[in-house]
Protein backbone atom coordinates (compact mmCIF):
# COMPACT_ATOMS: atom_id res chain seq x y z
CA UNK A 1 -47.20 -57.29 128.25
CA UNK A 2 -48.08 -54.61 125.78
CA UNK A 3 -46.46 -51.16 126.71
CA UNK A 4 -48.41 -48.61 127.67
CA UNK A 5 -47.30 -44.77 126.72
CA UNK A 6 -50.58 -42.94 125.92
CA UNK A 7 -54.12 -43.66 125.29
CA UNK A 8 -56.74 -41.45 123.38
CA UNK A 9 -60.35 -42.56 123.66
CA UNK A 10 -63.90 -41.79 123.97
CA UNK A 11 -64.43 -41.87 127.92
CA UNK A 12 -66.96 -44.14 128.70
CA UNK A 13 -69.13 -43.97 132.00
CA UNK A 14 -70.10 -46.52 134.68
CA UNK A 15 -71.55 -44.62 137.54
CA UNK A 16 -71.52 -46.81 140.35
CA UNK A 17 -69.74 -46.96 143.55
CA UNK A 18 -68.36 -50.24 145.02
CA UNK A 19 -68.26 -52.27 141.73
CA UNK A 20 -67.03 -55.62 142.76
CA UNK A 21 -65.16 -58.67 140.97
CA UNK A 22 -68.34 -60.68 140.82
CA UNK A 23 -70.05 -57.74 138.82
CA UNK A 24 -66.81 -57.33 136.64
CA UNK A 25 -66.90 -61.11 135.98
CA UNK A 26 -69.35 -62.96 137.50
CA UNK A 27 -68.15 -66.42 139.23
CA UNK A 28 -69.59 -68.83 136.46
CA UNK A 29 -66.84 -67.66 133.84
CA UNK A 30 -63.99 -68.70 136.26
CA UNK A 31 -63.96 -72.24 135.16
CA UNK A 32 -60.43 -71.50 133.22
CA UNK A 33 -57.18 -70.26 133.82
CA UNK A 34 -56.51 -68.96 130.41
CA UNK A 35 -56.39 -65.12 129.89
CA UNK A 36 -58.68 -65.07 127.16
CA UNK A 37 -62.52 -65.76 126.36
CA UNK A 38 -63.66 -63.49 129.28
CA UNK A 39 -63.87 -59.89 127.49
CA UNK A 40 -67.47 -60.77 126.05
CA UNK A 41 -68.45 -61.58 129.68
CA UNK A 42 -67.25 -58.46 131.34
CA UNK A 43 -70.39 -57.25 133.23
CA UNK A 44 -72.01 -60.01 132.09
CA UNK A 45 -75.41 -59.84 134.38
CA UNK A 46 -75.69 -55.98 133.72
CA UNK A 47 -74.93 -56.26 130.00
CA UNK A 48 -77.35 -58.90 128.88
CA UNK A 49 -80.63 -59.66 129.48
CA UNK A 50 -80.11 -63.65 129.57
CA UNK A 51 -78.08 -65.67 131.85
CA UNK A 52 -74.41 -66.55 130.25
CA UNK A 53 -72.12 -69.49 130.06
CA UNK A 54 -68.44 -69.46 129.26
CA UNK A 55 -67.74 -69.86 125.85
CA UNK A 56 -71.27 -69.20 124.20
CA UNK A 57 -71.41 -66.82 121.24
CA UNK A 58 -72.55 -63.66 123.01
CA UNK A 59 -72.90 -61.65 119.99
CA UNK A 60 -76.47 -63.25 119.56
CA UNK A 61 -77.45 -62.47 123.17
CA UNK A 62 -80.01 -59.86 124.07
CA UNK A 63 -78.41 -56.77 125.34
CA UNK A 64 -79.80 -54.44 128.10
CA UNK A 65 -80.08 -51.39 126.57
CA UNK A 66 -80.05 -49.54 130.13
CA UNK A 67 -76.93 -50.66 131.11
CA UNK A 68 -74.52 -47.69 130.63
CA UNK A 69 -71.72 -49.30 128.58
CA UNK A 70 -74.35 -50.42 125.88
CA UNK A 71 -75.07 -46.73 124.58
CA UNK A 72 -73.83 -46.51 121.16
CA UNK A 73 -71.28 -43.61 121.97
CA UNK A 74 -69.27 -45.83 124.74
CA UNK A 75 -69.05 -48.83 122.28
CA UNK A 76 -65.04 -49.35 121.63
CA UNK A 77 -63.87 -46.93 124.44
CA UNK A 78 -60.85 -47.96 126.15
CA UNK A 79 -60.95 -45.23 128.93
CA UNK A 80 -63.48 -46.06 131.80
CA UNK A 81 -64.56 -43.46 134.03
CA UNK A 82 -66.37 -45.06 137.60
CA UNK A 83 -66.79 -43.90 140.91
CA UNK A 84 -65.25 -45.05 144.30
CA UNK A 85 -63.95 -48.57 145.55
CA UNK A 86 -63.73 -49.92 142.04
CA UNK A 87 -62.89 -53.56 142.16
CA UNK A 88 -63.80 -54.76 145.79
CA UNK A 89 -64.81 -58.13 146.70
CA UNK A 90 -62.69 -61.20 145.87
CA UNK A 91 -59.16 -61.11 144.39
CA UNK A 92 -59.72 -62.75 141.45
CA UNK A 93 -57.26 -61.87 138.51
CA UNK A 94 -59.79 -62.82 136.10
CA UNK A 95 -61.79 -59.46 136.44
CA UNK A 96 -58.94 -57.29 135.07
CA UNK A 97 -58.52 -60.18 132.35
CA UNK A 98 -62.02 -59.35 131.29
CA UNK A 99 -61.53 -55.86 131.33
CA UNK A 100 -58.27 -55.65 129.32
CA UNK A 101 -60.10 -58.40 126.45
CA UNK A 102 -62.98 -55.90 126.46
CA UNK A 103 -60.91 -53.40 125.47
CA UNK A 104 -60.09 -51.04 128.73
CA UNK A 105 -56.59 -49.95 128.91
CA UNK A 106 -57.29 -47.03 131.20
CA UNK A 107 -59.97 -46.89 134.48
CA UNK A 108 -60.54 -43.37 136.05
CA UNK A 109 -61.98 -43.78 139.77
CA UNK A 110 -62.03 -41.80 142.99
CA UNK A 111 -60.42 -45.09 144.32
CA UNK A 112 -59.67 -48.71 143.87
CA UNK A 113 -59.50 -51.92 145.97
CA UNK A 114 -56.03 -52.50 146.85
CA UNK A 115 -55.72 -55.91 145.17
CA UNK A 116 -57.72 -55.21 142.22
CA UNK A 117 -55.27 -52.25 141.44
CA UNK A 118 -52.50 -54.44 141.70
CA UNK A 119 -53.84 -57.17 139.32
CA UNK A 120 -54.51 -54.21 136.90
CA UNK A 121 -50.91 -53.05 136.96
CA UNK A 122 -49.78 -56.39 136.41
CA UNK A 123 -51.77 -57.03 133.37
CA UNK A 124 -51.19 -53.35 131.77
CA UNK A 125 -54.32 -51.68 132.57
CA UNK A 126 -53.57 -48.20 134.02
CA UNK A 127 -55.95 -47.76 137.26
CA UNK A 128 -55.72 -43.72 137.87
CA UNK A 129 -57.20 -42.19 141.07
CA UNK A 130 -58.94 -38.42 140.96
CA UNK A 131 -60.70 -36.51 143.67
CA UNK A 132 -64.55 -36.82 143.66
CA UNK A 133 -64.84 -33.22 142.43
CA UNK A 134 -63.00 -33.91 139.69
CA UNK A 135 -64.98 -37.05 139.02
CA UNK A 136 -68.06 -35.30 139.13
CA UNK A 137 -67.08 -33.00 136.71
CA UNK A 138 -65.76 -35.43 134.15
CA UNK A 139 -69.23 -36.99 134.24
CA UNK A 140 -70.78 -33.94 133.74
CA UNK A 141 -68.86 -32.90 130.67
CA UNK A 142 -69.35 -36.41 129.52
CA UNK A 143 -72.97 -36.41 129.56
CA UNK A 144 -73.30 -33.23 128.23
CA UNK A 145 -71.38 -34.06 124.79
CA UNK A 146 -72.04 -36.27 122.08
CA UNK A 147 -68.45 -37.12 121.96
CA UNK A 148 -65.88 -36.66 124.74
CA UNK A 149 -62.54 -38.11 123.71
CA UNK A 150 -59.58 -37.47 126.13
CA UNK A 151 -55.71 -38.52 125.85
CA UNK A 152 -54.32 -40.45 128.98
CA UNK A 153 -50.32 -39.78 128.78
CA UNK A 154 -48.40 -42.01 131.07
CA UNK A 155 -44.90 -39.92 130.36
CA UNK A 156 -46.42 -36.62 131.47
CA UNK A 157 -48.64 -38.11 133.83
CA UNK A 158 -51.69 -36.08 132.57
CA UNK A 159 -55.28 -36.72 131.67
CA UNK A 160 -55.97 -34.22 128.59
CA UNK A 161 -59.58 -32.94 128.00
CA UNK A 162 -61.18 -32.12 125.01
CA UNK A 163 -60.81 -28.51 125.54
CA UNK A 164 -57.19 -28.96 125.72
CA UNK A 165 -56.90 -28.24 129.71
CA UNK A 166 -55.20 -31.16 131.55
CA UNK A 167 -55.37 -33.08 134.87
CA UNK A 168 -52.45 -34.63 136.75
CA UNK A 169 -52.29 -37.93 138.15
CA UNK A 170 -49.59 -39.51 140.18
CA UNK A 171 -48.22 -43.20 139.93
CA UNK A 172 -45.16 -44.83 141.56
CA UNK A 173 -42.15 -44.50 139.40
CA UNK A 174 -41.42 -48.29 139.50
CA UNK A 175 -44.88 -49.03 138.49
CA UNK A 176 -44.56 -46.15 135.96
CA UNK A 177 -41.38 -47.92 134.28
CA UNK A 178 -42.89 -51.11 134.50
CA UNK A 179 -45.95 -50.07 132.17
CA UNK A 180 -44.12 -47.75 129.96
CA UNK A 181 -41.68 -50.69 129.02
CA UNK A 182 -44.38 -53.76 129.10
CA UNK A 183 -42.42 -55.28 131.64
CA UNK A 184 -44.47 -57.87 133.67
CA UNK A 185 -43.10 -59.82 136.90
CA UNK A 186 -41.80 -62.93 135.03
CA UNK A 187 -39.84 -60.50 132.23
CA UNK A 188 -38.28 -58.73 135.03
CA UNK A 189 -37.35 -61.75 136.78
CA UNK A 190 -35.78 -63.11 133.35
CA UNK A 191 -33.44 -59.98 133.20
CA UNK A 192 -31.43 -61.73 135.86
CA UNK A 193 -31.36 -65.07 134.22
CA UNK A 194 -27.64 -65.21 133.90
CA UNK A 195 -27.63 -64.91 137.47
CA UNK A 196 -30.11 -67.45 138.13
CA UNK A 197 -28.29 -69.89 136.07
CA UNK A 198 -24.94 -69.39 137.62
CA UNK A 199 -26.75 -70.17 141.00
CA UNK A 200 -28.47 -73.11 140.14
CA UNK A 201 -24.94 -74.45 138.51
CA UNK A 202 -23.14 -73.40 141.95
CA UNK A 203 -26.02 -75.17 143.87
CA UNK A 204 -25.78 -78.39 141.89
CA UNK A 205 -22.21 -78.49 142.39
CA UNK A 206 -22.25 -78.09 146.12
CA UNK A 207 -25.29 -79.70 146.97
CA UNK A 208 -25.91 -82.39 144.52
CA UNK A 209 -28.27 -84.29 146.62
CA UNK A 210 -30.61 -81.48 147.01
């Protein structure tokens, strides 16, 4: 997993509550368990005017110009601002795979679905929860400017706005260390590889029939 220390980007807007995982990555794209190939299909039914199929060349598909993330100033953004209960619905891990490959490293919302939030953290996406008043103010400020770049710093636990003011956010210490170091669950397990091998050797010696 790629370490996360800080991310600076235009802040992209998705002004919707209760965005579920089927909207983030519709069910017809869940035919593969590989972690690649989903980014071009993120928000597929909102993003394009035609029906999508896994593996097609999306660069030639007609875009829905009314979809927020298709606005030119949001193209290439790696930080997303949205509303409450983001990532609700099914527990599909394909949703954060799609968001990560789309380019998002940070999602700021009033709240997240619990399983989705955990899946984001396991895949190197930082979900930040802020209060409704702060979320409202950020939406207003982004809309009032042609460019609105922020810096999310995990080391300091702050979101730095273009005017230099900072918004603090909290994250569990152990999760913070995993992201800063790029440790996923497998890498953490492999840190104990020597003890695992020793246990397996003893078990094979004492219980060879198992």
